[in-house]
Amino acid sequence: MPVRGLVFDLDGTLVNTAPDLLAATNHVLALDGLAPLQAAQMNNFVGHGAKALLTRGFTARGCTLSGAALESRYRTFLDFYMNNIAAAGSAPYPGVVALIERAKAHGLGLAVCTNKLEALSVRLLDELDLSRHFGAVIGPDTIGVAKPDAAPFREAARRLNVAAAEALMLGDSETDVLTARAAGVPIIAVPFGFTPEPVETYGPDHLVQHFDEVWPLLERHYL
């Protein structure tokens, strides 16, 4: 059936958030007297939520982080990140705003389905003037389930008033591919996001190099 909704991952798909995630992580590391991470390391650390990011960051500096110590640093990370969410240069990827506007003009519903907490996601979208485009923003805390479970994707589709089978996933990682597979929907992947292996390794239905390629692909296959 024709696609009536597009569901986007956030970090590494809609927005390059690496600069600000790096700044928040390095802020927490610095409080423990640890050396900062480099930008190139973020691809391997982002995608499974802030706790996983911190755990991997501390591991890279030879430290184990768990239990109460992890919770404490997690709260510090969230406070810093919330107050500086786009200060270091997070920005939409080239072509994404044009795609969003074209999809809206065509009558497609748009949603975000991410493993970033809902409040942080909305704050980021607000800062970048993107919130107005989306009919739903689903984080791991929205319904208490995170990707790659299909439930967040299905909730995003429900809030767009479309059947899950009428929606399509756009993402950058194995987590997004697994989410699409669990939901039984196609996924268009972008190669410039956050993933330890090239996203094509995980077998997305389509791979685009730039968001300018997405609309022609949709017209050929899904509209």
N, C-alpha and C. Protein backbone atom coordinates (compact mmCIF):
# COMPACT_ATOMS: atom_id res chain seq x y z
N MET A 1 0.84 -1.19 0.00
CA MET A 1 0.00 0.00 0.00
C MET A 1 0.88 1.24 0.00
N PRO A 2 0.37 2.36 -0.51
CA PRO A 2 1.18 3.58 -0.56
C PRO A 2 1.59 4.05 0.84
N VAL A 3 2.78 4.62 0.90
CA VAL A 3 3.28 5.18 2.15
C VAL A 3 2.55 6.49 2.46
N ARG A 4 2.09 6.63 3.70
CA ARG A 4 1.41 7.84 4.13
C ARG A 4 2.17 8.55 5.26
N GLY A 5 3.22 7.92 5.77
CA GLY A 5 3.98 8.51 6.87
C GLY A 5 5.45 8.17 6.79
N LEU A 6 6.29 9.12 7.16
CA LEU A 6 7.74 8.91 7.25
C LEU A 6 8.16 9.04 8.71
N VAL A 7 8.90 8.05 9.18
CA VAL A 7 9.35 8.03 10.57
C VAL A 7 10.88 8.10 10.57
N PHE A 8 11.40 9.19 11.10
CA PHE A 8 12.84 9.46 11.08
C PHE A 8 13.50 9.11 12.42
N ASP A 9 14.64 8.48 12.37
CA ASP A 9 15.55 8.50 13.50
C ASP A 9 16.05 9.94 13.65
N LEU A 10 16.60 10.26 14.81
CA LEU A 10 17.03 11.65 15.06
C LEU A 10 18.54 11.80 14.94
N ASP A 11 19.29 11.30 15.92
CA ASP A 11 20.75 11.47 15.93
C ASP A 11 21.39 10.69 14.78
N GLY A 12 22.10 11.39 13.93
CA GLY A 12 22.79 10.73 12.84
C GLY A 12 21.94 10.54 11.60
N THR A 13 20.66 10.90 11.68
CA THR A 13 19.76 10.80 10.52
C THR A 13 19.20 12.17 10.19
N LEU A 14 18.36 12.70 11.05
CA LEU A 14 17.83 14.05 10.85
C LEU A 14 18.89 15.11 11.16
N VAL A 15 19.59 14.92 12.27
CA VAL A 15 20.48 15.95 12.79
C VAL A 15 21.84 15.35 13.12
N ASN A 16 22.88 16.06 12.74
CA ASN A 16 24.23 15.70 13.18
C ASN A 16 24.42 16.27 14.58
N THR A 17 24.21 15.43 15.57
CA THR A 17 24.30 15.86 16.97
C THR A 17 25.66 15.56 17.59
N ALA A 18 26.58 15.04 16.80
CA ALA A 18 27.88 14.63 17.34
C ALA A 18 28.60 15.74 18.10
N PRO A 19 28.61 17.00 17.60
CA PRO A 19 29.37 18.03 18.33
C PRO A 19 28.88 18.23 19.76
N ASP A 20 27.57 18.22 19.97
CA ASP A 20 27.05 18.49 21.30
C ASP A 20 27.05 17.25 22.19
N LEU A 21 26.87 16.07 21.61
CA LEU A 21 27.02 14.84 22.39
C LEU A 21 28.47 14.70 22.86
N LEU A 22 29.41 15.04 21.99
CA LEU A 22 30.82 15.00 22.35
C LEU A 22 31.12 16.00 23.47
N ALA A 23 30.59 17.20 23.35
CA ALA A 23 30.83 18.21 24.38
C ALA A 23 30.29 17.77 25.73
N ALA A 24 29.08 17.19 25.75
CA ALA A 24 28.49 16.74 27.01
C ALA A 24 29.26 15.58 27.61
N THR A 25 29.68 14.65 26.76
CA THR A 25 30.46 13.50 27.24
C THR A 25 31.79 13.96 27.80
N ASN A 26 32.46 14.85 27.09
CA ASN A 26 33.76 15.33 27.56
C ASN A 26 33.63 16.17 28.83
N HIS A 27 32.51 16.85 29.00
CA HIS A 27 32.25 17.57 30.25
C HIS A 27 32.24 16.60 31.43
N VAL A 28 31.55 15.48 31.26
CA VAL A 28 31.48 14.49 32.34
C VAL A 28 32.84 13.84 32.57
N LEU A 29 33.53 13.50 31.50
CA LEU A 29 34.87 12.91 31.64
C LEU A 29 35.82 13.86 32.37
N ALA A 30 35.74 15.14 32.04
CA ALA A 30 36.64 16.11 32.65
C ALA A 30 36.42 16.22 34.15
N LEU A 31 35.18 16.06 34.61
CA LEU A 31 34.90 16.12 36.04
C LEU A 31 35.57 14.98 36.79
N ASP A 32 35.87 13.89 36.07
CA ASP A 32 36.60 12.77 36.65
C ASP A 32 38.08 12.81 36.32
N GLY A 33 38.54 13.92 35.75
CA GLY A 33 39.95 14.07 35.43
C GLY A 33 40.41 13.23 34.26
N LEU A 34 39.49 12.85 33.38
CA LEU A 34 39.82 11.99 32.25
C LEU A 34 39.97 12.80 30.97
N ALA A 35 40.81 12.32 30.07
CA ALA A 35 41.07 13.01 28.82
C ALA A 35 39.83 12.99 27.92
N PRO A 36 39.65 14.02 27.12
CA PRO A 36 38.47 14.08 26.25
C PRO A 36 38.52 13.05 25.13
N LEU A 37 37.35 12.70 24.65
CA LEU A 37 37.24 11.87 23.46
C LEU A 37 37.43 12.73 22.23
N GLN A 38 37.72 12.08 21.11
CA GLN A 38 37.83 12.76 19.83
C GLN A 38 36.55 12.57 19.03
N ALA A 39 36.28 13.47 18.12
CA ALA A 39 35.04 13.43 17.34
C ALA A 39 34.88 12.11 16.60
N ALA A 40 35.97 11.56 16.08
CA ALA A 40 35.88 10.33 15.30
C ALA A 40 35.37 9.14 16.11
N GLN A 41 35.53 9.20 17.43
CA GLN A 41 35.08 8.10 18.28
C GLN A 41 33.57 8.06 18.45
N MET A 42 32.88 9.15 18.18
CA MET A 42 31.45 9.22 18.48
C MET A 42 30.63 8.25 17.63
N ASN A 43 31.06 7.96 16.41
CA ASN A 43 30.32 7.04 15.56
C ASN A 43 30.13 5.69 16.23
N ASN A 44 31.10 5.27 17.02
CA ASN A 44 31.04 3.97 17.67
C ASN A 44 30.26 3.99 18.98
N PHE A 45 29.99 5.18 19.52
CA PHE A 45 29.44 5.27 20.87
C PHE A 45 27.97 5.68 20.91
N VAL A 46 27.49 6.35 19.86
CA VAL A 46 26.13 6.89 19.86
C VAL A 46 25.15 5.88 19.28
N GLY A 47 23.90 5.93 19.75
CA GLY A 47 22.85 5.15 19.12
C GLY A 47 22.03 4.29 20.05
N HIS A 48 22.52 4.12 21.28
CA HIS A 48 21.80 3.28 22.23
C HIS A 48 21.45 4.04 23.51
N GLY A 49 21.44 5.37 23.43
CA GLY A 49 21.08 6.17 24.58
C GLY A 49 22.30 6.71 25.31
N ALA A 50 22.04 7.68 26.20
CA ALA A 50 23.14 8.39 26.88
C ALA A 50 23.92 7.51 27.83
N LYS A 51 23.25 6.57 28.50
CA LYS A 51 23.98 5.70 29.42
C LYS A 51 24.99 4.84 28.69
N ALA A 52 24.58 4.31 27.54
CA ALA A 52 25.52 3.51 26.75
C ALA A 52 26.66 4.39 26.24
N LEU A 53 26.34 5.61 25.84
CA LEU A 53 27.37 6.54 25.38
C LEU A 53 28.39 6.80 26.48
N LEU A 54 27.92 7.08 27.69
CA LEU A 54 28.83 7.33 28.80
C LEU A 54 29.65 6.09 29.15
N THR A 55 28.99 4.95 29.19
CA THR A 55 29.70 3.71 29.51
C THR A 55 30.83 3.47 28.53
N ARG A 56 30.55 3.65 27.25
CA ARG A 56 31.57 3.44 26.23
C ARG A 56 32.67 4.50 26.32
N GLY A 57 32.28 5.73 26.61
CA GLY A 57 33.27 6.79 26.75
C GLY A 57 34.23 6.53 27.90
N PHE A 58 33.68 6.13 29.05
CA PHE A 58 34.55 5.83 30.20
C PHE A 58 35.41 4.60 29.94
N THR A 59 34.84 3.60 29.26
CA THR A 59 35.62 2.41 28.92
C THR A 59 36.79 2.77 28.03
N ALA A 60 36.57 3.70 27.09
CA ALA A 60 37.65 4.13 26.21
C ALA A 60 38.77 4.82 26.97
N ARG A 61 38.46 5.29 28.18
CA ARG A 61 39.47 5.93 29.03
C ARG A 61 39.92 4.99 30.16
N GLY A 62 39.62 3.69 29.98
CA GLY A 62 40.11 2.67 30.91
C GLY A 62 39.36 2.59 32.21
N CYS A 63 38.13 3.09 32.25
CA CYS A 63 37.35 3.11 33.48
C CYS A 63 36.04 2.35 33.29
N THR A 64 35.66 1.61 34.32
CA THR A 64 34.37 0.92 34.31
C THR A 64 33.35 1.81 35.01
N LEU A 65 32.19 1.94 34.38
CA LEU A 65 31.15 2.81 34.92
C LEU A 65 29.85 2.02 35.00
N SER A 66 29.34 1.88 36.21
CA SER A 66 28.08 1.13 36.38
C SER A 66 27.43 1.56 37.68
N GLY A 67 26.22 1.05 37.90
CA GLY A 67 25.53 1.28 39.16
C GLY A 67 25.32 2.74 39.48
N ALA A 68 25.55 3.10 40.77
CA ALA A 68 25.31 4.45 41.24
C ALA A 68 26.24 5.46 40.54
N ALA A 69 27.47 5.02 40.23
CA ALA A 69 28.41 5.92 39.55
C ALA A 69 27.89 6.30 38.17
N LEU A 70 27.33 5.33 37.46
CA LEU A 70 26.75 5.60 36.15
C LEU A 70 25.55 6.54 36.26
N GLU A 71 24.69 6.28 37.23
CA GLU A 71 23.50 7.13 37.40
C GLU A 71 23.88 8.57 37.69
N SER A 72 24.90 8.76 38.53
CA SER A 72 25.34 10.10 38.88
C SER A 72 25.87 10.84 37.66
N ARG A 73 26.73 10.17 36.87
CA ARG A 73 27.28 10.81 35.68
C ARG A 73 26.21 11.03 34.61
N TYR A 74 25.25 10.12 34.56
CA TYR A 74 24.14 10.25 33.62
C TYR A 74 23.34 11.52 33.90
N ARG A 75 23.05 11.79 35.17
CA ARG A 75 22.32 13.00 35.53
C ARG A 75 23.13 14.25 35.18
N THR A 76 24.43 14.19 35.41
CA THR A 76 25.30 15.31 35.06
C THR A 76 25.30 15.54 33.56
N PHE A 77 25.39 14.44 32.81
CA PHE A 77 25.35 14.52 31.35
C PHE A 77 24.05 15.17 30.88
N LEU A 78 22.92 14.69 31.40
CA LEU A 78 21.62 15.20 30.97
C LEU A 78 21.48 16.69 31.27
N ASP A 79 21.91 17.10 32.45
CA ASP A 79 21.81 18.52 32.82
C ASP A 79 22.62 19.38 31.85
N PHE A 80 23.86 18.96 31.58
CA PHE A 80 24.72 19.73 30.68
C PHE A 80 24.15 19.74 29.28
N TYR A 81 23.74 18.58 28.82
CA TYR A 81 23.26 18.47 27.44
C TYR A 81 21.96 19.25 27.23
N MET A 82 21.05 19.16 28.17
CA MET A 82 19.79 19.88 28.06
C MET A 82 20.03 21.38 27.97
N ASN A 83 21.00 21.89 28.71
CA ASN A 83 21.26 23.32 28.75
C ASN A 83 22.18 23.80 27.63
N ASN A 84 22.75 22.86 26.87
CA ASN A 84 23.68 23.23 25.80
C ASN A 84 23.41 22.39 24.55
N ILE A 85 22.13 22.12 24.27
CA ILE A 85 21.78 21.04 23.36
C ILE A 85 22.21 21.28 21.91
N ALA A 86 22.34 22.53 21.51
CA ALA A 86 22.82 22.81 20.16
C ALA A 86 23.94 23.84 20.16
N ALA A 87 24.55 24.03 21.31
CA ALA A 87 25.55 25.10 21.45
C ALA A 87 26.82 24.83 20.67
N ALA A 88 27.17 23.56 20.49
CA ALA A 88 28.43 23.22 19.82
C ALA A 88 28.26 23.01 18.32
N GLY A 89 27.04 23.16 17.82
CA GLY A 89 26.88 23.11 16.36
C GLY A 89 26.02 22.01 15.80
N SER A 90 25.19 21.33 16.59
CA SER A 90 24.26 20.35 16.03
C SER A 90 23.40 21.01 14.97
N ALA A 91 23.20 20.32 13.84
CA ALA A 91 22.46 20.92 12.73
C ALA A 91 21.84 19.83 11.87
N PRO A 92 20.74 20.16 11.19
CA PRO A 92 20.15 19.19 10.26
C PRO A 92 21.14 18.85 9.15
N TYR A 93 21.08 17.63 8.67
CA TYR A 93 21.93 17.23 7.55
C TYR A 93 21.47 17.93 6.27
N PRO A 94 22.37 18.15 5.34
CA PRO A 94 22.01 18.80 4.08
C PRO A 94 20.86 18.07 3.37
N GLY A 95 19.89 18.84 2.93
CA GLY A 95 18.78 18.29 2.17
C GLY A 95 17.61 17.81 3.00
N VAL A 96 17.77 17.69 4.31
CA VAL A 96 16.70 17.09 5.11
C VAL A 96 15.50 18.04 5.23
N VAL A 97 15.74 19.32 5.37
CA VAL A 97 14.62 20.26 5.50
C VAL A 97 13.83 20.31 4.20
N ALA A 98 14.50 20.31 3.06
CA ALA A 98 13.81 20.30 1.78
C ALA A 98 12.95 19.04 1.63
N LEU A 99 13.48 17.90 2.07
CA LEU A 99 12.70 16.66 2.01
C LEU A 99 11.47 16.75 2.90
N ILE A 100 11.64 17.26 4.10
CA ILE A 100 10.52 17.41 5.03
C ILE A 100 9.44 18.29 4.42
N GLU A 101 9.83 19.40 3.86
CA GLU A 101 8.84 20.32 3.28
C GLU A 101 8.13 19.70 2.09
N ARG A 102 8.84 18.94 1.28
CA ARG A 102 8.20 18.30 0.14
C ARG A 102 7.24 17.21 0.59
N ALA A 103 7.64 16.45 1.60
CA ALA A 103 6.78 15.39 2.12
C ALA A 103 5.50 15.98 2.71
N LYS A 104 5.63 17.09 3.45
CA LYS A 104 4.45 17.74 4.01
C LYS A 104 3.52 18.26 2.91
N ALA A 105 4.10 18.83 1.87
CA ALA A 105 3.30 19.34 0.77
C ALA A 105 2.54 18.23 0.07
N HIS A 106 3.10 17.04 0.11
CA HIS A 106 2.45 15.87 -0.50
C HIS A 106 1.40 15.26 0.42
N GLY A 107 1.34 15.73 1.66
CA GLY A 107 0.36 15.23 2.61
C GLY A 107 0.82 14.08 3.47
N LEU A 108 2.12 13.82 3.49
CA LEU A 108 2.64 12.74 4.32
C LEU A 108 2.76 13.20 5.77
N GLY A 109 2.46 12.32 6.71
CA GLY A 109 2.71 12.58 8.12
C GLY A 109 4.17 12.32 8.44
N LEU A 110 4.72 13.09 9.37
CA LEU A 110 6.13 12.98 9.73
C LEU A 110 6.27 12.77 11.24
N ALA A 111 7.15 11.84 11.61
CA ALA A 111 7.38 11.56 13.03
C ALA A 111 8.87 11.31 13.26
N VAL A 112 9.26 11.44 14.51
CA VAL A 112 10.60 11.08 14.95
C VAL A 112 10.49 9.91 15.90
N CYS A 113 11.33 8.91 15.69
CA CYS A 113 11.40 7.74 16.58
C CYS A 113 12.87 7.53 16.91
N THR A 114 13.25 7.76 18.16
CA THR A 114 14.64 7.86 18.55
C THR A 114 14.89 7.18 19.88
N ASN A 115 16.15 6.87 20.15
CA ASN A 115 16.52 6.39 21.48
C ASN A 115 17.08 7.52 22.36
N LYS A 116 16.87 8.75 21.92
CA LYS A 116 17.13 9.92 22.77
C LYS A 116 15.86 10.19 23.58
N LEU A 117 15.98 10.54 24.84
CA LEU A 117 14.82 10.82 25.66
C LEU A 117 13.89 11.83 24.97
N GLU A 118 12.60 11.65 25.19
CA GLU A 118 11.63 12.50 24.48
C GLU A 118 11.86 13.98 24.75
N ALA A 119 12.05 14.37 26.01
CA ALA A 119 12.23 15.78 26.33
C ALA A 119 13.46 16.36 25.66
N LEU A 120 14.55 15.60 25.62
CA LEU A 120 15.76 16.07 24.94
C LEU A 120 15.52 16.20 23.45
N SER A 121 14.79 15.24 22.89
CA SER A 121 14.50 15.26 21.45
C SER A 121 13.68 16.49 21.08
N VAL A 122 12.64 16.75 21.87
CA VAL A 122 11.80 17.91 21.59
C VAL A 122 12.60 19.20 21.76
N ARG A 123 13.42 19.26 22.79
CA ARG A 123 14.25 20.46 23.01
C ARG A 123 15.18 20.70 21.82
N LEU A 124 15.80 19.64 21.33
CA LEU A 124 16.69 19.78 20.18
C LEU A 124 15.93 20.24 18.95
N LEU A 125 14.79 19.61 18.68
CA LEU A 125 13.99 19.99 17.52
C LEU A 125 13.50 21.43 17.64
N ASP A 126 13.14 21.84 18.85
CA ASP A 126 12.75 23.23 19.08
C ASP A 126 13.89 24.19 18.75
N GLU A 127 15.07 23.86 19.24
CA GLU A 127 16.23 24.73 19.04
C GLU A 127 16.55 24.91 17.55
N LEU A 128 16.28 23.86 16.77
CA LEU A 128 16.60 23.89 15.34
C LEU A 128 15.40 24.25 14.48
N ASP A 129 14.29 24.66 15.13
CA ASP A 129 13.07 25.05 14.43
C ASP A 129 12.53 23.91 13.55
N LEU A 130 12.59 22.70 14.07
CA LEU A 130 12.10 21.54 13.33
C LEU A 130 10.84 20.93 13.95
N SER A 131 10.55 21.24 15.19
CA SER A 131 9.42 20.61 15.89
C SER A 131 8.11 20.78 15.14
N ARG A 132 7.93 21.93 14.51
CA ARG A 132 6.65 22.24 13.85
C ARG A 132 6.33 21.29 12.72
N HIS A 133 7.32 20.55 12.25
CA HIS A 133 7.10 19.65 11.12
C HIS A 133 6.58 18.27 11.53
N PHE A 134 6.70 17.93 12.81
CA PHE A 134 6.48 16.54 13.21
C PHE A 134 5.22 16.37 14.04
N GLY A 135 4.43 15.37 13.66
CA GLY A 135 3.21 15.06 14.37
C GLY A 135 3.41 14.18 15.58
N ALA A 136 4.60 13.63 15.73
CA ALA A 136 4.90 12.78 16.89
C ALA A 136 6.41 12.72 17.09
N VAL A 137 6.82 12.71 18.35
CA VAL A 137 8.22 12.50 18.73
C VAL A 137 8.22 11.41 19.79
N ILE A 138 8.79 10.27 19.45
CA ILE A 138 8.77 9.10 20.33
C ILE A 138 10.19 8.79 20.78
N GLY A 139 10.43 8.85 22.10
CA GLY A 139 11.71 8.45 22.66
C GLY A 139 11.56 7.14 23.41
N PRO A 140 12.62 6.63 24.00
CA PRO A 140 12.54 5.36 24.72
C PRO A 140 11.68 5.43 25.97
N ASP A 141 11.49 6.64 26.49
CA ASP A 141 10.67 6.83 27.69
C ASP A 141 9.22 7.16 27.38
N THR A 142 8.89 7.39 26.11
CA THR A 142 7.53 7.81 25.75
C THR A 142 6.51 6.74 26.11
N ILE A 143 6.80 5.50 25.73
CA ILE A 143 5.93 4.37 26.10
C ILE A 143 6.70 3.32 26.89
N GLY A 144 7.93 3.65 27.31
CA GLY A 144 8.71 2.73 28.13
C GLY A 144 9.39 1.62 27.36
N VAL A 145 9.51 1.78 26.04
CA VAL A 145 10.15 0.77 25.19
C VAL A 145 11.07 1.49 24.21
N ALA A 146 12.25 0.93 23.96
CA ALA A 146 13.21 1.55 23.06
C ALA A 146 13.36 0.73 21.78
N LYS A 147 13.82 1.39 20.72
CA LYS A 147 14.25 0.66 19.53
C LYS A 147 15.41 -0.25 19.93
N PRO A 148 15.54 -1.43 19.31
CA PRO A 148 14.91 -1.88 18.07
C PRO A 148 13.56 -2.59 18.22
N ASP A 149 12.95 -2.54 19.39
CA ASP A 149 11.58 -3.04 19.49
C ASP A 149 10.71 -2.25 18.51
N ALA A 150 9.74 -2.92 17.92
CA ALA A 150 8.87 -2.26 16.95
C ALA A 150 7.86 -1.31 17.59
N ALA A 151 7.64 -1.45 18.90
CA ALA A 151 6.57 -0.68 19.55
C ALA A 151 6.72 0.83 19.39
N PRO A 152 7.91 1.42 19.54
CA PRO A 152 8.00 2.87 19.36
C PRO A 152 7.66 3.30 17.93
N PHE A 153 8.09 2.53 16.95
CA PHE A 153 7.73 2.85 15.57
C PHE A 153 6.23 2.80 15.38
N ARG A 154 5.61 1.77 15.89
CA ARG A 154 4.16 1.63 15.75
C ARG A 154 3.41 2.75 16.46
N GLU A 155 3.94 3.18 17.61
CA GLU A 155 3.31 4.30 18.32
C GLU A 155 3.44 5.58 17.51
N ALA A 156 4.59 5.77 16.87
CA ALA A 156 4.76 6.95 16.02
C ALA A 156 3.74 6.95 14.89
N ALA A 157 3.56 5.80 14.25
CA ALA A 157 2.58 5.71 13.17
C ALA A 157 1.16 5.96 13.70
N ARG A 158 0.86 5.40 14.85
CA ARG A 158 -0.48 5.58 15.44
C ARG A 158 -0.77 7.05 15.67
N ARG A 159 0.23 7.79 16.17
CA ARG A 159 0.02 9.21 16.44
C ARG A 159 -0.08 10.04 15.16
N LEU A 160 0.37 9.47 14.06
CA LEU A 160 0.19 10.12 12.76
C LEU A 160 -1.13 9.73 12.11
N ASN A 161 -1.86 8.84 12.80
CA ASN A 161 -3.13 8.34 12.27
C ASN A 161 -2.95 7.57 10.97
N VAL A 162 -1.85 6.82 10.89
CA VAL A 162 -1.63 5.92 9.76
C VAL A 162 -1.32 4.54 10.31
N ALA A 163 -1.61 3.52 9.52
CA ALA A 163 -1.24 2.17 9.92
C ALA A 163 0.27 2.03 9.86
N ALA A 164 0.84 1.18 10.72
CA ALA A 164 2.29 0.97 10.70
C ALA A 164 2.76 0.54 9.32
N ALA A 165 1.96 -0.26 8.64
CA ALA A 165 2.31 -0.75 7.31
C ALA A 165 2.30 0.36 6.26
N GLU A 166 1.73 1.51 6.61
CA GLU A 166 1.70 2.65 5.69
C GLU A 166 2.82 3.65 5.98
N ALA A 167 3.72 3.28 6.87
CA ALA A 167 4.83 4.16 7.23
C ALA A 167 6.16 3.54 6.80
N LEU A 168 7.16 4.36 6.74
CA LEU A 168 8.49 3.94 6.29
C LEU A 168 9.52 4.54 7.23
N MET A 169 10.59 3.80 7.50
CA MET A 169 11.64 4.23 8.43
C MET A 169 12.80 4.85 7.66
N LEU A 170 13.35 5.93 8.20
CA LEU A 170 14.61 6.49 7.72
C LEU A 170 15.58 6.50 8.88
N GLY A 171 16.76 5.88 8.70
CA GLY A 171 17.70 5.77 9.80
C GLY A 171 19.13 5.62 9.34
N ASP A 172 20.02 5.45 10.31
CA ASP A 172 21.45 5.43 10.00
C ASP A 172 22.20 4.26 10.61
N SER A 173 21.49 3.34 11.28
CA SER A 173 22.22 2.36 12.09
C SER A 173 21.57 0.99 12.08
N GLU A 174 22.28 0.03 12.65
CA GLU A 174 21.72 -1.31 12.80
C GLU A 174 20.43 -1.27 13.61
N THR A 175 20.40 -0.45 14.64
CA THR A 175 19.19 -0.33 15.46
C THR A 175 17.98 0.05 14.61
N ASP A 176 18.16 0.97 13.69
CA ASP A 176 17.05 1.40 12.84
C ASP A 176 16.63 0.30 11.87
N VAL A 177 17.61 -0.41 11.31
CA VAL A 177 17.28 -1.52 10.41
C VAL A 177 16.51 -2.59 11.17
N LEU A 178 16.96 -2.92 12.37
CA LEU A 178 16.27 -3.93 13.17
C LEU A 178 14.87 -3.48 13.55
N THR A 179 14.71 -2.19 13.82
CA THR A 179 13.38 -1.65 14.13
C THR A 179 12.44 -1.82 12.95
N ALA A 180 12.92 -1.47 11.77
CA ALA A 180 12.10 -1.61 10.57
C ALA A 180 11.75 -3.07 10.32
N ARG A 181 12.71 -3.96 10.51
CA ARG A 181 12.44 -5.38 10.30
C ARG A 181 11.40 -5.87 11.30
N ALA A 182 11.52 -5.44 12.56
CA ALA A 182 10.57 -5.87 13.58
C ALA A 182 9.17 -5.36 13.28
N ALA A 183 9.08 -4.16 12.68
CA ALA A 183 7.79 -3.58 12.35
C ALA A 183 7.26 -4.05 11.00
N GLY A 184 8.11 -4.72 10.22
CA GLY A 184 7.69 -5.20 8.92
C GLY A 184 7.53 -4.11 7.88
N VAL A 185 8.40 -3.08 7.96
CA VAL A 185 8.31 -1.95 7.04
C VAL A 185 9.66 -1.72 6.37
N PRO A 186 9.68 -1.02 5.23
CA PRO A 186 10.95 -0.71 4.57
C PRO A 186 11.74 0.33 5.34
N ILE A 187 13.05 0.34 5.07
CA ILE A 187 13.91 1.37 5.66
C ILE A 187 14.84 1.93 4.60
N ILE A 188 14.92 3.26 4.57
CA ILE A 188 15.91 3.98 3.77
C ILE A 188 17.02 4.40 4.73
N ALA A 189 18.24 4.02 4.40
CA ALA A 189 19.36 4.32 5.29
C ALA A 189 20.26 5.39 4.70
N VAL A 190 20.86 6.18 5.59
CA VAL A 190 21.85 7.18 5.21
C VAL A 190 23.20 6.74 5.79
N PRO A 191 24.30 7.00 5.07
CA PRO A 191 25.60 6.46 5.48
C PRO A 191 26.44 7.39 6.34
N PHE A 192 25.90 8.57 6.68
CA PHE A 192 26.73 9.58 7.33
C PHE A 192 26.46 9.68 8.83
N GLY A 193 25.72 8.74 9.39
CA GLY A 193 25.34 8.83 10.79
C GLY A 193 26.30 8.13 11.73
N PHE A 194 25.73 7.56 12.79
CA PHE A 194 26.53 7.02 13.89
C PHE A 194 26.40 5.50 13.91
N THR A 195 27.41 4.81 13.44
CA THR A 195 27.39 3.36 13.39
C THR A 195 28.82 2.84 13.32
N PRO A 196 29.15 1.79 14.08
CA PRO A 196 30.52 1.27 14.07
C PRO A 196 30.90 0.59 12.77
N GLU A 197 29.91 0.07 12.05
CA GLU A 197 30.11 -0.54 10.74
C GLU A 197 29.28 0.22 9.72
N PRO A 198 29.68 0.21 8.44
CA PRO A 198 28.85 0.88 7.43
C PRO A 198 27.42 0.38 7.48
N VAL A 199 26.46 1.28 7.37
CA VAL A 199 25.06 0.91 7.56
C VAL A 199 24.60 -0.12 6.54
N GLU A 200 25.22 -0.14 5.35
CA GLU A 200 24.82 -1.14 4.35
C GLU A 200 25.12 -2.56 4.82
N THR A 201 26.02 -2.70 5.79
CA THR A 201 26.33 -4.01 6.36
C THR A 201 25.07 -4.67 6.93
N TYR A 202 24.13 -3.86 7.38
CA TYR A 202 22.96 -4.38 8.08
C TYR A 202 21.76 -4.63 7.16
N GLY A 203 21.94 -4.40 5.87
CA GLY A 203 20.92 -4.77 4.91
C GLY A 203 19.68 -3.91 4.85
N PRO A 204 19.81 -2.58 4.81
CA PRO A 204 18.61 -1.74 4.63
C PRO A 204 18.02 -1.97 3.24
N ASP A 205 16.76 -1.61 3.06
CA ASP A 205 16.13 -1.77 1.75
C ASP A 205 16.73 -0.84 0.71
N HIS A 206 17.10 0.35 1.15
CA HIS A 206 17.67 1.35 0.25
C HIS A 206 18.77 2.11 0.99
N LEU A 207 19.78 2.52 0.24
CA LEU A 207 20.84 3.36 0.79
C LEU A 207 20.96 4.59 -0.09
N VAL A 208 20.88 5.77 0.52
CA VAL A 208 21.06 7.02 -0.21
C VAL A 208 22.29 7.73 0.33
N GLN A 209 22.93 8.49 -0.53
CA GLN A 209 24.12 9.23 -0.12
C GLN A 209 23.79 10.64 0.34
N HIS A 210 22.61 11.12 -0.03
CA HIS A 210 22.19 12.49 0.28
C HIS A 210 20.68 12.50 0.37
N PHE A 211 20.12 13.37 1.18
CA PHE A 211 18.67 13.43 1.31
C PHE A 211 17.98 13.85 0.02
N ASP A 212 18.70 14.48 -0.91
CA ASP A 212 18.10 14.83 -2.19
C ASP A 212 17.66 13.59 -2.97
N GLU A 213 18.21 12.43 -2.65
CA GLU A 213 17.87 11.20 -3.36
C GLU A 213 16.60 10.54 -2.83
N VAL A 214 16.12 10.98 -1.68
CA VAL A 214 15.03 10.27 -1.02
C VAL A 214 13.70 10.44 -1.75
N TRP A 215 13.36 11.68 -2.14
CA TRP A 215 12.04 11.88 -2.74
C TRP A 215 11.89 11.13 -4.07
N PRO A 216 12.87 11.19 -4.98
CA PRO A 216 12.74 10.37 -6.20
C PRO A 216 12.58 8.88 -5.90
N LEU A 217 13.28 8.41 -4.88
CA LEU A 217 13.14 7.00 -4.49
C LEU A 217 11.73 6.70 -3.99
N LEU A 218 11.19 7.60 -3.18
CA LEU A 218 9.82 7.42 -2.70
C LEU A 218 8.82 7.39 -3.86
N GLU A 219 9.03 8.30 -4.80
CA GLU A 219 8.10 8.35 -5.94
C GLU A 219 8.17 7.07 -6.77
N ARG A 220 9.34 6.50 -6.90
CA ARG A 220 9.49 5.27 -7.70
C ARG A 220 8.86 4.06 -7.04
N HIS A 221 8.94 4.00 -5.71
CA HIS A 221 8.62 2.75 -5.03
C HIS A 221 7.43 2.81 -4.07
N TYR A 222 7.10 3.99 -3.52
CA TYR A 222 6.20 3.98 -2.36
C TYR A 222 5.03 4.95 -2.41
N LEU A 223 4.96 5.84 -3.37
CA LEU A 223 3.88 6.83 -3.38
C LEU A 223 2.84 6.53 -4.48
